[in-house]
Protein backbone atom coordinates (compact mmCIF):
# COMPACT_ATOMS: atom_id res chain seq x y z
CA MET A 1 115.62 36.55 -34.55
CA THR A 2 114.26 38.59 -37.45
CA ILE A 3 116.14 41.51 -39.00
CA ASP A 4 113.62 43.94 -37.49
CA GLN A 5 114.14 42.48 -34.02
CA LEU A 6 117.91 42.70 -34.50
CA MET A 7 117.67 46.37 -35.51
CA ASN A 8 115.45 47.15 -32.52
CA LEU A 9 117.87 45.41 -30.13
CA LEU A 10 120.94 47.07 -31.66
CA ALA A 11 119.30 50.50 -31.62
CA GLY A 12 118.49 50.18 -27.93
CA ILE A 13 121.96 48.92 -26.95
CA THR A 14 123.62 51.64 -29.05
CA LEU A 15 121.55 54.39 -27.46
CA VAL A 16 122.24 53.18 -23.91
CA GLU A 17 125.98 52.91 -24.54
CA MET A 18 126.10 56.25 -26.35
CA MET A 19 124.31 58.14 -23.57
CA LEU A 20 126.48 56.49 -20.90
CA THR A 21 129.56 57.57 -22.87
CA ILE A 22 128.29 61.14 -23.07
CA GLY A 23 127.83 61.20 -19.30
CA LEU A 24 131.32 59.81 -18.70
CA GLY A 25 132.87 62.55 -20.81
CA VAL A 26 130.98 65.55 -19.44
CA MET A 27 131.83 67.60 -16.39
CA LEU A 28 128.68 68.25 -14.37
CA SER A 29 129.97 71.76 -13.69
CA ASP A 30 129.88 72.49 -17.43
CA VAL A 31 126.25 71.40 -17.65
CA LEU A 32 125.31 73.39 -14.54
CA GLY A 33 127.16 76.42 -15.89
CA VAL A 34 125.19 76.37 -19.13
CA SER A 35 121.92 75.62 -17.30
CA LYS A 36 122.26 78.91 -15.42
CA ASN A 37 122.10 80.78 -18.71
CA TRP A 38 118.31 80.84 -18.86
CA SER A 39 118.28 82.93 -22.02
CA LEU A 40 120.43 80.45 -23.96
CA ILE A 41 118.49 77.44 -22.67
CA GLY A 42 115.14 79.06 -23.47
CA ARG A 43 116.20 79.94 -27.00
CA ALA A 44 117.63 76.43 -27.52
CA LEU A 45 114.33 74.88 -26.41
CA VAL A 46 112.33 77.16 -28.72
CA ALA A 47 114.63 76.40 -31.67
CA ASN A 48 114.61 72.63 -31.15
CA TYR A 49 111.06 72.01 -29.95
CA VAL A 50 109.09 74.73 -31.75
CA PHE A 51 110.83 76.11 -34.82
CA ILE A 52 112.41 72.91 -36.16
CA PRO A 53 109.43 70.55 -35.66
CA GLY A 54 107.18 73.28 -37.11
CA ALA A 55 109.44 73.64 -40.15
CA ALA A 56 109.48 69.86 -40.57
CA VAL A 57 105.69 69.68 -40.59
CA GLY A 58 105.47 72.51 -43.11
CA LEU A 59 108.06 70.93 -45.43
CA LEU A 60 106.53 67.46 -45.22
CA LEU A 61 103.14 68.86 -46.20
CA LEU A 62 104.71 71.00 -48.94
CA PHE A 63 106.58 68.03 -50.45
CA HIS A 64 103.57 65.69 -50.05
CA ALA A 65 105.71 63.06 -48.32
CA ARG A 66 104.28 59.56 -48.00
CA PRO A 67 102.95 58.87 -44.48
CA LEU A 68 105.72 56.56 -43.26
CA VAL A 69 108.44 58.64 -44.92
CA ALA A 70 106.98 61.67 -43.15
CA ALA A 71 106.98 59.75 -39.85
CA GLY A 72 110.70 58.99 -40.15
CA ILE A 73 111.67 62.58 -40.98
CA LEU A 74 109.47 63.92 -38.18
CA LEU A 75 111.22 61.54 -35.77
CA ALA A 76 114.54 63.17 -36.61
CA ALA A 77 113.08 66.66 -36.32
CA VAL A 78 111.75 66.21 -32.78
CA CYS A 79 114.90 64.53 -31.38
CA PRO A 80 117.68 67.03 -30.55
CA GLY A 81 120.78 66.61 -28.41
CA ALA A 82 123.02 64.63 -30.77
CA PRO A 83 126.46 63.63 -29.42
CA TYR A 84 128.04 64.93 -32.64
CA GLY A 85 127.11 68.51 -31.71
CA PRO A 86 130.11 69.31 -29.48
CA PRO A 87 132.82 67.83 -31.76
CA PHE A 88 131.34 69.57 -34.79
CA THR A 89 131.19 72.81 -32.78
CA GLY A 90 134.85 72.33 -31.91
CA ILE A 91 135.73 71.78 -35.58
CA ALA A 92 133.91 75.03 -36.40
CA LYS A 93 135.91 76.75 -33.61
CA GLY A 94 132.85 77.46 -31.49
CA ASN A 95 132.37 77.25 -27.72
CA VAL A 96 132.52 73.51 -26.99
CA THR A 97 131.51 73.98 -23.33
CA ASN A 98 128.24 75.60 -24.39
CA ALA A 99 127.68 72.87 -26.97
CA VAL A 100 128.22 70.14 -24.37
CA GLY A 101 125.81 71.74 -21.92
CA LEU A 102 123.16 72.22 -24.59
CA MET A 103 123.60 68.65 -25.84
CA VAL A 104 123.06 67.15 -22.38
CA ILE A 105 120.06 69.35 -21.58
CA LEU A 106 118.40 68.72 -24.95
CA ALA A 107 119.14 64.98 -24.93
CA GLY A 108 117.73 64.62 -21.42
CA SER A 109 114.61 66.69 -22.07
CA SER A 110 113.86 64.93 -25.36
CA ALA A 111 113.08 61.70 -23.48
CA LEU A 112 109.82 63.38 -22.46
CA VAL A 113 109.26 66.12 -25.04
CA ALA A 114 109.97 64.14 -28.24
CA PRO A 115 107.22 61.53 -27.69
CA LEU A 116 104.72 64.25 -26.75
CA LEU A 117 105.54 66.21 -29.91
CA LEU A 118 105.15 63.06 -31.98
CA GLY A 119 101.74 62.43 -30.47
CA VAL A 120 100.61 65.92 -31.52
CA LEU A 121 102.36 66.33 -34.88
CA LEU A 122 102.32 62.84 -36.37
CA PRO A 123 98.58 62.86 -37.20
CA ILE A 124 99.11 66.13 -39.10
CA VAL A 125 101.81 64.83 -41.46
CA VAL A 126 100.36 61.35 -42.08
CA GLY A 127 96.83 62.55 -42.80
CA GLY A 128 94.30 59.77 -42.57
CA ALA A 129 96.88 56.97 -42.75
CA ALA A 130 96.78 54.35 -40.01
CA VAL A 131 100.06 55.31 -38.33
CA ASN A 132 99.91 55.20 -34.56
CA ILE A 133 102.45 55.38 -31.75
CA ASN A 134 102.24 54.59 -28.07
CA VAL A 135 103.46 57.82 -26.48
CA LEU A 136 103.66 56.42 -22.96
CA LYS A 137 105.64 53.39 -24.14
CA ILE A 138 108.11 55.62 -26.01
CA VAL A 139 108.51 57.88 -22.96
CA GLY A 140 109.25 54.84 -20.81
CA THR A 141 111.70 53.44 -23.36
CA LEU A 142 113.59 56.72 -23.68
CA PHE A 143 113.74 57.26 -19.94
CA GLY A 144 115.31 53.80 -19.57
CA ALA A 145 117.54 53.86 -22.65
CA GLN A 146 118.44 57.56 -22.79
CA LEU A 147 117.95 59.57 -19.59
CA LEU A 148 118.96 56.88 -17.06
CA PRO A 149 122.31 55.96 -18.73
CA LEU A 150 123.09 59.67 -19.14
CA CYS A 151 122.52 60.29 -15.43
CA VAL A 152 124.58 57.20 -14.51
CA GLY A 153 127.46 58.45 -16.66
CA LEU A 154 127.29 61.92 -15.11
CA TRP A 155 127.23 60.38 -11.61
CA ILE A 156 130.27 58.20 -12.34
CA ARG A 157 132.13 61.20 -13.74
CA LYS A 158 131.28 63.22 -10.64
CA ARG A 159 132.04 60.55 -8.03
CA HIS A 160 134.82 58.58 -9.74
CA PRO A 161 136.54 60.94 -12.22
CA SER A 162 139.69 58.82 -12.60
CA PHE A 163 137.66 55.72 -13.48
CA ALA A 164 135.50 57.74 -15.87
CA GLU A 165 138.62 59.08 -17.59
CA ARG A 166 140.04 55.57 -18.04
CA ALA A 167 136.73 54.19 -19.29
CA LEU A 168 136.01 57.05 -21.68
CA LYS A 169 138.28 56.03 -24.55
CA PRO A 170 137.07 52.39 -24.80
CA ALA A 171 133.49 53.63 -24.33
CA LYS A 172 133.88 56.02 -27.27
CA THR A 173 135.35 53.23 -29.37
CA ALA A 174 132.46 50.93 -28.48
CA SER A 175 129.99 53.70 -29.28
CA LEU A 176 131.54 54.25 -32.71
CA LEU A 177 131.55 50.53 -33.51
CA LEU A 178 127.96 50.07 -32.35
CA ASN A 179 126.80 53.03 -34.46
CA LEU A 180 128.60 51.67 -37.51
CA LEU A 181 127.17 48.19 -36.92
CA LEU A 182 123.65 49.56 -36.51
CA LEU A 183 123.91 51.65 -39.68
CA ALA A 184 125.35 48.66 -41.58
CA VAL A 185 122.47 46.41 -40.51
CA ILE A 186 119.89 49.08 -41.38
CA ILE A 187 121.46 49.82 -44.75
CA LEU A 188 121.65 46.09 -45.53
CA ALA A 189 117.99 45.62 -44.63
CA GLN A 190 116.80 48.83 -46.29
CA ILE A 191 119.15 49.03 -49.30
CA HIS A 192 116.38 48.80 -51.87
CA MET A 193 114.30 51.47 -50.16
CA LEU A 194 117.33 53.76 -49.74
CA SER A 195 118.20 53.42 -53.42
CA ASP A 196 114.68 54.53 -54.34
CA ILE A 197 115.12 58.01 -52.78
CA HIS A 198 114.77 60.59 -55.56
CA LEU A 199 116.26 64.06 -55.97
CA GLN A 200 113.11 65.58 -54.49
CA GLY A 201 113.73 63.63 -51.30
CA TYR A 202 117.24 65.01 -50.95
CA MET A 203 115.98 68.51 -51.69
CA GLY A 204 113.46 68.12 -48.88
CA MET A 205 116.17 66.92 -46.48
CA LEU A 206 118.37 69.87 -47.46
CA CYS A 207 115.51 72.29 -46.81
CA LEU A 208 114.95 70.81 -43.34
CA LEU A 209 118.66 70.97 -42.53
CA LEU A 210 118.79 74.62 -43.63
CA ALA A 211 115.75 75.31 -41.45
CA CYS A 212 117.56 73.72 -38.47
CA MET A 213 120.59 75.92 -39.07
CA ALA A 214 118.45 79.01 -39.52
CA ALA A 215 116.57 78.34 -36.27
CA GLY A 216 119.80 78.24 -34.29
CA ARG A 217 121.33 81.22 -36.07
CA VAL A 218 118.27 83.48 -35.81
CA LEU A 219 117.92 82.81 -32.08
CA THR A 220 121.57 83.62 -31.36
CA VAL A 221 121.86 87.00 -29.65
CA ARG A 222 124.59 89.60 -30.00
CA GLY A 223 127.75 88.71 -28.11
CA GLU A 224 127.25 84.94 -28.42
CA ASN A 225 129.20 82.71 -30.76
CA PRO A 226 126.62 81.82 -33.45
CA LYS A 227 128.24 78.44 -34.03
CA ASP A 228 127.15 76.99 -30.68
CA LEU A 229 123.39 77.11 -31.08
CA THR A 230 123.47 76.79 -34.88
CA ILE A 231 125.42 73.54 -35.00
CA THR A 232 123.81 72.06 -31.88
CA SER A 233 120.37 72.62 -33.41
CA SER A 234 121.43 71.33 -36.83
CA VAL A 235 122.46 67.82 -35.75
CA ARG A 236 119.48 65.75 -34.70
CA ASN A 237 119.81 62.78 -32.34
CA VAL A 238 119.97 59.80 -34.69
CA GLY A 239 120.17 57.24 -31.90
CA VAL A 240 116.88 58.33 -30.34
CA SER A 241 115.02 58.59 -33.65
CA LEU A 242 116.17 55.10 -34.70
CA VAL A 243 115.13 53.59 -31.37
CA ILE A 244 111.63 54.97 -31.86
CA ALA A 245 111.56 54.04 -35.56
CA THR A 246 112.68 50.44 -35.09
CA ALA A 247 110.28 49.94 -32.17
CA SER A 248 107.19 51.62 -33.65
CA PHE A 249 107.66 51.32 -37.45
CA ALA A 250 109.62 48.09 -37.98
CA GLY A 251 110.29 47.18 -41.61
CA THR A 252 108.83 50.39 -43.03
CA ASP A 253 109.88 53.52 -44.91
CA ALA A 254 110.04 55.35 -41.58
CA ILE A 255 113.35 53.61 -40.79
CA THR A 256 114.60 54.30 -44.31
CA SER A 257 113.86 58.02 -44.18
CA ALA A 258 115.25 58.40 -40.63
CA THR A 259 118.45 56.62 -41.69
CA ALA A 260 118.77 58.62 -44.91
CA TYR A 261 118.36 61.89 -43.04
CA ALA A 262 120.89 60.78 -40.41
CA LEU A 263 123.54 60.11 -43.04
CA PHE A 264 122.70 63.26 -45.01
CA GLN A 265 122.76 65.64 -42.03
CA THR A 266 126.00 64.21 -40.62
CA PHE A 267 127.83 64.59 -43.94
CA VAL A 268 126.57 68.10 -44.66
CA VAL A 269 127.01 69.49 -41.12
CA ALA A 270 130.54 68.06 -41.00
CA LEU A 271 131.37 69.95 -44.20
CA VAL A 272 129.78 73.14 -42.84
CA ALA A 273 131.73 72.85 -39.58
CA LEU A 274 135.00 72.28 -41.45
CA ALA A 275 134.40 75.27 -43.72
CA TRP A 276 133.23 77.50 -40.86
CA GLY A 277 136.27 76.64 -38.78
CA ARG A 278 138.67 77.02 -41.68
CA PHE A 279 137.45 80.49 -42.56
CA THR A 280 137.29 81.77 -38.97
CA PRO A 281 140.01 84.43 -38.67
CA ALA A 282 142.62 83.48 -36.09
CA VAL A 283 142.53 86.95 -34.49
CA ALA A 284 138.75 86.85 -34.06
CA LEU A 285 138.97 83.38 -32.51
CA VAL A 286 141.59 84.50 -29.96
CA ASN A 287 139.49 87.53 -29.02
CA LYS A 288 136.38 85.38 -28.45
CA GLN A 289 138.24 82.85 -26.33
CA SER A 290 139.84 85.55 -24.20
CA ALA A 291 136.43 87.16 -23.70
């Protein structure tokens, strides 16, 4: 087995296990409760499927990113619904229930929307370079590796809550270990490419991350906790983007840039969540929770 085949296999297994774990830990009533808030869902879809991919395309063209580097960053931009959204929202003292509902809805919808967006936007950022993807194949892969395990986890949680509760802790541990193993293998295989990222590359990633935060914040309406949509939109779904990258762009800069952005966004958003939560006045937090 080659290193590329190993990365592809690990990425698929990690995504399946991660989505199953999400389903096991989510109450269907929470998802249904958020899904009834059509305004919030609509604004989340606009932020994650219009504003953020549009900002990514603009920034990639502005920074003159190489075709495969651009492909990797675009992959991250079109894949929302990261499992880190709810815990980071909790750290920031936001509404975790809203974050969980948004995460599930965005993760589920991205199985269809992300490949379609890639098919439209990828030719724009790569110019005339010979970079092609099979949209139908990616849709099929994500339905099997992302949407199906998520639905199975939700079903188990609904029908067998005691079993789901017992299985949740080891599932979370397995998910963490698989993610660390996948990142270790990718970093080992891509270490030379990762070390070649210049300051301009990090500036571009910072600009995209700020655009993600701005999209969520601007679309938050009065009376809502701004942390929910802001943080949920800021953390892109690394597992999905790496599955697509390892399957469609094996051994290329696309994997390097997707991995680099994954590490960068996780570190920065974690710091933002910590700072936001630390400086949230206790009185204001109590008032919002009681409301």
